[in-house]
Amino acid sequence: MVEISSLYFEGNNLIGRLKGKIVDSDVNCFMEIMPGKGFIDEKIYFPEIEKYKVSPGYYVIPIKD
């Protein structure tokens, strides 16, 4: 078993965090995405991930196998 308590990513106007568990070949993780205002204003990818929006500026995308 691999437990990911928090793997932090930072980019230009974008912060991400990966959390979850991997047991054998079963993946049960999620990616939190917190874009900055500059990233949101560009509207690059956000129409595709709006369904994962939890609150303004906070998205949670499940990663399951």
PDB file of N, CA and C in Angstrom:
ATOM      1  N   MET A   1       0.841  -1.184   0.000  1.00  0.00           N
ATOM      2  CA  MET A   1       0.000   0.000   0.000  1.00  0.00           C
ATOM      3  C   MET A   1       0.883   1.243   0.000  1.00  0.00           C
ATOM      4  N   VAL A   2       0.480   2.205  -0.800  1.00  0.00           N
ATOM      5  CA  VAL A   2       1.125   3.513  -0.824  1.00  0.00           C
ATOM      6  C   VAL A   2       0.076   4.532  -0.423  1.00  0.00           C
ATOM      7  N   GLU A   3       0.379   5.321   0.593  1.00  0.00           N
ATOM      8  CA  GLU A   3      -0.535   6.378   1.006  1.00  0.00           C
ATOM      9  C   GLU A   3       0.104   7.722   0.714  1.00  0.00           C
ATOM     10  N   ILE A   4      -0.597   8.548  -0.032  1.00  0.00           N
ATOM     11  CA  ILE A   4      -0.110   9.884  -0.374  1.00  0.00           C
ATOM     12  C   ILE A   4      -0.881  10.864   0.495  1.00  0.00           C
ATOM     13  N   SER A   5      -0.216  11.397   1.504  1.00  0.00           N
ATOM     14  CA  SER A   5      -0.907  12.332   2.388  1.00  0.00           C
ATOM     15  C   SER A   5      -1.045  13.692   1.730  1.00  0.00           C
ATOM     16  N   SER A   6      -0.029  14.128   0.979  1.00  0.00           N
ATOM     17  CA  SER A   6      -0.126  15.384   0.255  1.00  0.00           C
ATOM     18  C   SER A   6       1.108  15.554  -0.626  1.00  0.00           C
ATOM     19  N   LEU A   7       0.885  15.570  -1.926  1.00  0.00           N
ATOM     20  CA  LEU A   7       1.951  15.846  -2.890  1.00  0.00           C
ATOM     21  C   LEU A   7       1.586  17.157  -3.550  1.00  0.00           C
ATOM     22  N   TYR A   8       2.401  18.183  -3.334  1.00  0.00           N
ATOM     23  CA  TYR A   8       2.091  19.557  -3.701  1.00  0.00           C
ATOM     24  C   TYR A   8       2.725  19.916  -5.044  1.00  0.00           C
ATOM     25  N   PHE A   9       1.947  20.591  -5.900  1.00  0.00           N
ATOM     26  CA  PHE A   9       2.431  21.070  -7.198  1.00  0.00           C
ATOM     27  C   PHE A   9       2.173  22.570  -7.278  1.00  0.00           C
ATOM     28  N   GLU A  10       3.110  23.298  -7.880  1.00  0.00           N
ATOM     29  CA  GLU A  10       2.911  24.730  -8.049  1.00  0.00           C
ATOM     30  C   GLU A  10       3.371  25.143  -9.432  1.00  0.00           C
ATOM     31  N   GLY A  11       2.533  25.924 -10.103  1.00  0.00           N
ATOM     32  CA  GLY A  11       2.849  26.426 -11.430  1.00  0.00           C
ATOM     33  C   GLY A  11       2.481  27.897 -11.527  1.00  0.00           C
ATOM     34  N   ASN A  12       2.507  28.419 -12.735  1.00  0.00           N
ATOM     35  CA  ASN A  12       2.180  29.814 -12.963  1.00  0.00           C
ATOM     36  C   ASN A  12       0.680  30.026 -12.763  1.00  0.00           C
ATOM     37  N   ASN A  13       0.292  30.687 -11.682  1.00  0.00           N
ATOM     38  CA  ASN A  13      -1.104  30.933 -11.330  1.00  0.00           C
ATOM     39  C   ASN A  13      -1.898  29.653 -11.086  1.00  0.00           C
ATOM     40  N   LEU A  14      -1.245  28.584 -10.637  1.00  0.00           N
ATOM     41  CA  LEU A  14      -1.942  27.315 -10.423  1.00  0.00           C
ATOM     42  C   LEU A  14      -1.265  26.520  -9.309  1.00  0.00           C
ATOM     43  N   ILE A  15      -2.064  26.010  -8.387  1.00  0.00           N
ATOM     44  CA  ILE A  15      -1.563  25.158  -7.305  1.00  0.00           C
ATOM     45  C   ILE A  15      -2.364  23.860  -7.343  1.00  0.00           C
ATOM     46  N   GLY A  16      -1.696  22.744  -7.125  1.00  0.00           N
ATOM     47  CA  GLY A  16      -2.371  21.455  -7.101  1.00  0.00           C
ATOM     48  C   GLY A  16      -1.863  20.602  -5.961  1.00  0.00           C
ATOM     49  N   ARG A  17      -2.704  19.663  -5.526  1.00  0.00           N
ATOM     50  CA  ARG A  17      -2.309  18.764  -4.450  1.00  0.00           C
ATOM     51  C   ARG A  17      -2.929  17.399  -4.747  1.00  0.00           C
ATOM     52  N   LEU A  18      -2.109  16.360  -4.655  1.00  0.00           N
ATOM     53  CA  LEU A  18      -2.564  14.991  -4.874  1.00  0.00           C
ATOM     54  C   LEU A  18      -2.624  14.281  -3.530  1.00  0.00           C
ATOM     55  N   LYS A  19      -3.750  13.583  -3.274  1.00  0.00           N
ATOM     56  CA  LYS A  19      -3.939  12.840  -2.029  1.00  0.00           C
ATOM     57  C   LYS A  19      -4.608  11.517  -2.354  1.00  0.00           C
ATOM     58  N   GLY A  20      -4.395  10.518  -1.515  1.00  0.00           N
ATOM     59  CA  GLY A  20      -5.112   9.261  -1.668  1.00  0.00           C
ATOM     60  C   GLY A  20      -4.268   8.048  -1.350  1.00  0.00           C
ATOM     61  N   LYS A  21      -4.765   6.873  -1.810  1.00  0.00           N
ATOM     62  CA  LYS A  21      -4.100   5.605  -1.538  1.00  0.00           C
ATOM     63  C   LYS A  21      -4.030   4.765  -2.803  1.00  0.00           C
ATOM     64  N   ILE A  22      -2.983   3.957  -2.867  1.00  0.00           N
ATOM     65  CA  ILE A  22      -2.840   2.953  -3.912  1.00  0.00           C
ATOM     66  C   ILE A  22      -2.605   1.634  -3.195  1.00  0.00           C
ATOM     67  N   VAL A  23      -3.547   0.708  -3.359  1.00  0.00           N
ATOM     68  CA  VAL A  23      -3.452  -0.609  -2.729  1.00  0.00           C
ATOM     69  C   VAL A  23      -3.443  -1.637  -3.851  1.00  0.00           C
ATOM     70  N   ASP A  24      -2.348  -2.399  -3.926  1.00  0.00           N
ATOM     71  CA  ASP A  24      -2.140  -3.343  -5.030  1.00  0.00           C
ATOM     72  C   ASP A  24      -2.263  -2.569  -6.342  1.00  0.00           C
ATOM     73  N   SER A  25      -3.248  -2.875  -7.172  1.00  0.00           N
ATOM     74  CA  SER A  25      -3.420  -2.119  -8.412  1.00  0.00           C
ATOM     75  C   SER A  25      -4.652  -1.219  -8.344  1.00  0.00           C
ATOM     76  N   ASP A  26      -5.206  -1.043  -7.141  1.00  0.00           N
ATOM     77  CA  ASP A  26      -6.402  -0.229  -6.958  1.00  0.00           C
ATOM     78  C   ASP A  26      -5.998   1.197  -6.560  1.00  0.00           C
ATOM     79  N   VAL A  27      -6.299   2.149  -7.440  1.00  0.00           N
ATOM     80  CA  VAL A  27      -5.959   3.556  -7.206  1.00  0.00           C
ATOM     81  C   VAL A  27      -7.200   4.287  -6.717  1.00  0.00           C
ATOM     82  N   ASN A  28      -7.079   4.968  -5.598  1.00  0.00           N
ATOM     83  CA  ASN A  28      -8.167   5.759  -5.047  1.00  0.00           C
ATOM     84  C   ASN A  28      -7.579   7.081  -4.556  1.00  0.00           C
ATOM     85  N   CYS A  29      -7.421   8.008  -5.480  1.00  0.00           N
ATOM     86  CA  CYS A  29      -6.791   9.297  -5.186  1.00  0.00           C
ATOM     87  C   CYS A  29      -7.666  10.423  -5.714  1.00  0.00           C
ATOM     88  N   PHE A  30      -7.304  11.632  -5.346  1.00  0.00           N
ATOM     89  CA  PHE A  30      -7.946  12.789  -5.938  1.00  0.00           C
ATOM     90  C   PHE A  30      -6.938  13.927  -6.038  1.00  0.00           C
ATOM     91  N   MET A  31      -7.176  14.771  -7.024  1.00  0.00           N
ATOM     92  CA  MET A  31      -6.317  15.922  -7.294  1.00  0.00           C
ATOM     93  C   MET A  31      -7.109  17.177  -6.983  1.00  0.00           C
ATOM     94  N   GLU A  32      -6.581  17.988  -6.082  1.00  0.00           N
ATOM     95  CA  GLU A  32      -7.189  19.279  -5.778  1.00  0.00           C
ATOM     96  C   GLU A  32      -6.484  20.323  -6.640  1.00  0.00           C
ATOM     97  N   ILE A  33      -7.244  21.147  -7.306  1.00  0.00           N
ATOM     98  CA  ILE A  33      -6.671  22.192  -8.152  1.00  0.00           C
ATOM     99  C   ILE A  33      -7.198  23.534  -7.671  1.00  0.00           C
ATOM    100  N   MET A  34      -6.272  24.459  -7.437  1.00  0.00           N
ATOM    101  CA  MET A  34      -6.623  25.797  -6.969  1.00  0.00           C
ATOM    102  C   MET A  34      -5.961  26.821  -7.890  1.00  0.00           C
ATOM    103  N   PRO A  35      -6.677  27.234  -8.931  1.00  0.00           N
ATOM    104  CA  PRO A  35      -6.110  28.206  -9.861  1.00  0.00           C
ATOM    105  C   PRO A  35      -6.152  29.615  -9.286  1.00  0.00           C
ATOM    106  N   GLY A  36      -5.143  30.400  -9.658  1.00  0.00           N
ATOM    107  CA  GLY A  36      -5.137  31.808  -9.288  1.00  0.00           C
ATOM    108  C   GLY A  36      -6.012  32.610 -10.236  1.00  0.00           C
ATOM    109  N   LYS A  37      -6.275  33.859  -9.906  1.00  0.00           N
ATOM    110  CA  LYS A  37      -7.146  34.700 -10.719  1.00  0.00           C
ATOM    111  C   LYS A  37      -6.638  34.830 -12.149  1.00  0.00           C
ATOM    112  N   GLY A  38      -5.347  34.957 -12.346  1.00  0.00           N
ATOM    113  CA  GLY A  38      -4.782  35.072 -13.691  1.00  0.00           C
ATOM    114  C   GLY A  38      -5.069  33.845 -14.544  1.00  0.00           C
ATOM    115  N   PHE A  39      -5.054  32.681 -13.944  1.00  0.00           N
ATOM    116  CA  PHE A  39      -5.331  31.447 -14.678  1.00  0.00           C
ATOM    117  C   PHE A  39      -6.811  31.351 -15.037  1.00  0.00           C
ATOM    118  N   ILE A  40      -7.679  31.709 -14.114  1.00  0.00           N
ATOM    119  CA  ILE A  40      -9.116  31.660 -14.362  1.00  0.00           C
ATOM    120  C   ILE A  40      -9.508  32.633 -15.462  1.00  0.00           C
ATOM    121  N   ASP A  41      -8.916  33.812 -15.468  1.00  0.00           N
ATOM    122  CA  ASP A  41      -9.231  34.813 -16.485  1.00  0.00           C
ATOM    123  C   ASP A  41      -8.912  34.324 -17.887  1.00  0.00           C
ATOM    124  N   GLU A  42      -7.891  33.464 -18.020  1.00  0.00           N
ATOM    125  CA  GLU A  42      -7.511  32.958 -19.335  1.00  0.00           C
ATOM    126  C   GLU A  42      -8.495  31.912 -19.855  1.00  0.00           C
ATOM    127  N   LYS A  43      -9.230  31.237 -18.976  1.00  0.00           N
ATOM    128  CA  LYS A  43     -10.221  30.209 -19.336  1.00  0.00           C
ATOM    129  C   LYS A  43      -9.648  29.174 -20.313  1.00  0.00           C
ATOM    130  N   ILE A  44      -8.466  28.670 -19.987  1.00  0.00           N
ATOM    131  CA  ILE A  44      -7.805  27.718 -20.879  1.00  0.00           C
ATOM    132  C   ILE A  44      -8.494  26.361 -20.855  1.00  0.00           C
ATOM    133  N   TYR A  45      -8.598  25.720 -19.705  1.00  0.00           N
ATOM    134  CA  TYR A  45      -9.135  24.367 -19.617  1.00  0.00           C
ATOM    135  C   TYR A  45     -10.413  24.271 -18.797  1.00  0.00           C
ATOM    136  N   PHE A  46     -10.844  25.313 -18.208  1.00  0.00           N
ATOM    137  CA  PHE A  46     -11.888  25.221 -17.201  1.00  0.00           C
ATOM    138  C   PHE A  46     -13.271  24.827 -17.687  1.00  0.00           C
ATOM    139  N   PRO A  47     -13.668  25.052 -18.917  1.00  0.00           N
ATOM    140  CA  PRO A  47     -14.982  24.526 -19.316  1.00  0.00           C
ATOM    141  C   PRO A  47     -15.067  23.002 -19.155  1.00  0.00           C
ATOM    142  N   GLU A  48     -13.967  22.302 -19.305  1.00  0.00           N
ATOM    143  CA  GLU A  48     -13.954  20.843 -19.206  1.00  0.00           C
ATOM    144  C   GLU A  48     -13.962  20.332 -17.768  1.00  0.00           C
ATOM    145  N   ILE A  49     -13.511  21.128 -16.811  1.00  0.00           N
ATOM    146  CA  ILE A  49     -13.463  20.628 -15.435  1.00  0.00           C
ATOM    147  C   ILE A  49     -14.465  21.316 -14.513  1.00  0.00           C
ATOM    148  N   GLU A  50     -15.383  22.096 -15.068  1.00  0.00           N
ATOM    149  CA  GLU A  50     -16.392  22.769 -14.243  1.00  0.00           C
ATOM    150  C   GLU A  50     -17.204  21.779 -13.408  1.00  0.00           C
ATOM    151  N   LYS A  51     -17.395  20.559 -13.913  1.00  0.00           N
ATOM    152  CA  LYS A  51     -18.183  19.583 -13.155  1.00  0.00           C
ATOM    153  C   LYS A  51     -17.501  19.152 -11.865  1.00  0.00           C
ATOM    154  N   TYR A  52     -16.205  19.447 -11.730  1.00  0.00           N
ATOM    155  CA  TYR A  52     -15.459  19.097 -10.527  1.00  0.00           C
ATOM    156  C   TYR A  52     -15.329  20.271  -9.558  1.00  0.00           C
ATOM    157  N   LYS A  53     -15.988  21.372  -9.865  1.00  0.00           N
ATOM    158  CA  LYS A  53     -15.895  22.580  -9.039  1.00  0.00           C
ATOM    159  C   LYS A  53     -16.605  22.354  -7.713  1.00  0.00           C
ATOM    160  N   VAL A  54     -15.890  22.596  -6.615  1.00  0.00           N
ATOM    161  CA  VAL A  54     -16.446  22.462  -5.270  1.00  0.00           C
ATOM    162  C   VAL A  54     -16.880  23.837  -4.766  1.00  0.00           C
ATOM    163  N   SER A  55     -16.041  24.828  -5.021  1.00  0.00           N
ATOM    164  CA  SER A  55     -16.329  26.207  -4.651  1.00  0.00           C
ATOM    165  C   SER A  55     -15.508  27.099  -5.583  1.00  0.00           C
ATOM    166  N   PRO A  56     -15.759  28.405  -5.590  1.00  0.00           N
ATOM    167  CA  PRO A  56     -14.977  29.266  -6.487  1.00  0.00           C
ATOM    168  C   PRO A  56     -13.474  29.111  -6.249  1.00  0.00           C
ATOM    169  N   GLY A  57     -12.763  28.741  -7.309  1.00  0.00           N
ATOM    170  CA  GLY A  57     -11.316  28.589  -7.219  1.00  0.00           C
ATOM    171  C   GLY A  57     -10.841  27.295  -6.614  1.00  0.00           C
ATOM    172  N   TYR A  58     -11.711  26.308  -6.476  1.00  0.00           N
ATOM    173  CA  TYR A  58     -11.319  25.030  -5.872  1.00  0.00           C
ATOM    174  C   TYR A  58     -12.019  23.884  -6.604  1.00  0.00           C
ATOM    175  N   TYR A  59     -11.214  22.990  -7.175  1.00  0.00           N
ATOM    176  CA  TYR A  59     -11.714  21.859  -7.948  1.00  0.00           C
ATOM    177  C   TYR A  59     -11.128  20.577  -7.371  1.00  0.00           C
ATOM    178  N   VAL A  60     -11.918  19.507  -7.341  1.00  0.00           N
ATOM    179  CA  VAL A  60     -11.444  18.203  -6.871  1.00  0.00           C
ATOM    180  C   VAL A  60     -11.761  17.181  -7.954  1.00  0.00           C
ATOM    181  N   ILE A  61     -10.711  16.564  -8.514  1.00  0.00           N
ATOM    182  CA  ILE A  61     -10.863  15.601  -9.588  1.00  0.00           C
ATOM    183  C   ILE A  61     -10.491  14.219  -9.070  1.00  0.00           C
ATOM    184  N   PRO A  62     -11.434  13.267  -9.090  1.00  0.00           N
ATOM    185  CA  PRO A  62     -11.123  11.902  -8.635  1.00  0.00           C
ATOM    186  C   PRO A  62     -10.221  11.183  -9.635  1.00  0.00           C
ATOM    187  N   ILE A  63      -9.301  10.392  -9.116  1.00  0.00           N
ATOM    188  CA  ILE A  63      -8.413   9.573  -9.938  1.00  0.00           C
ATOM    189  C   ILE A  63      -8.589   8.139  -9.437  1.00  0.00           C
ATOM    190  N   LYS A  64      -9.281   7.343 -10.220  1.00  0.00           N
ATOM    191  CA  LYS A  64      -9.574   5.966  -9.802  1.00  0.00           C
ATOM    192  C   LYS A  64      -9.212   5.017 -10.929  1.00  0.00           C
ATOM    193  N   ASP A  65      -8.809   3.809 -10.534  1.00  0.00           N
ATOM    194  CA  ASP A  65      -8.454   2.794 -11.508  1.00  0.00           C
ATOM    195  C   ASP A  65      -9.405   1.638 -11.413  1.00  0.00           C
TER     196      ASP A  65
END
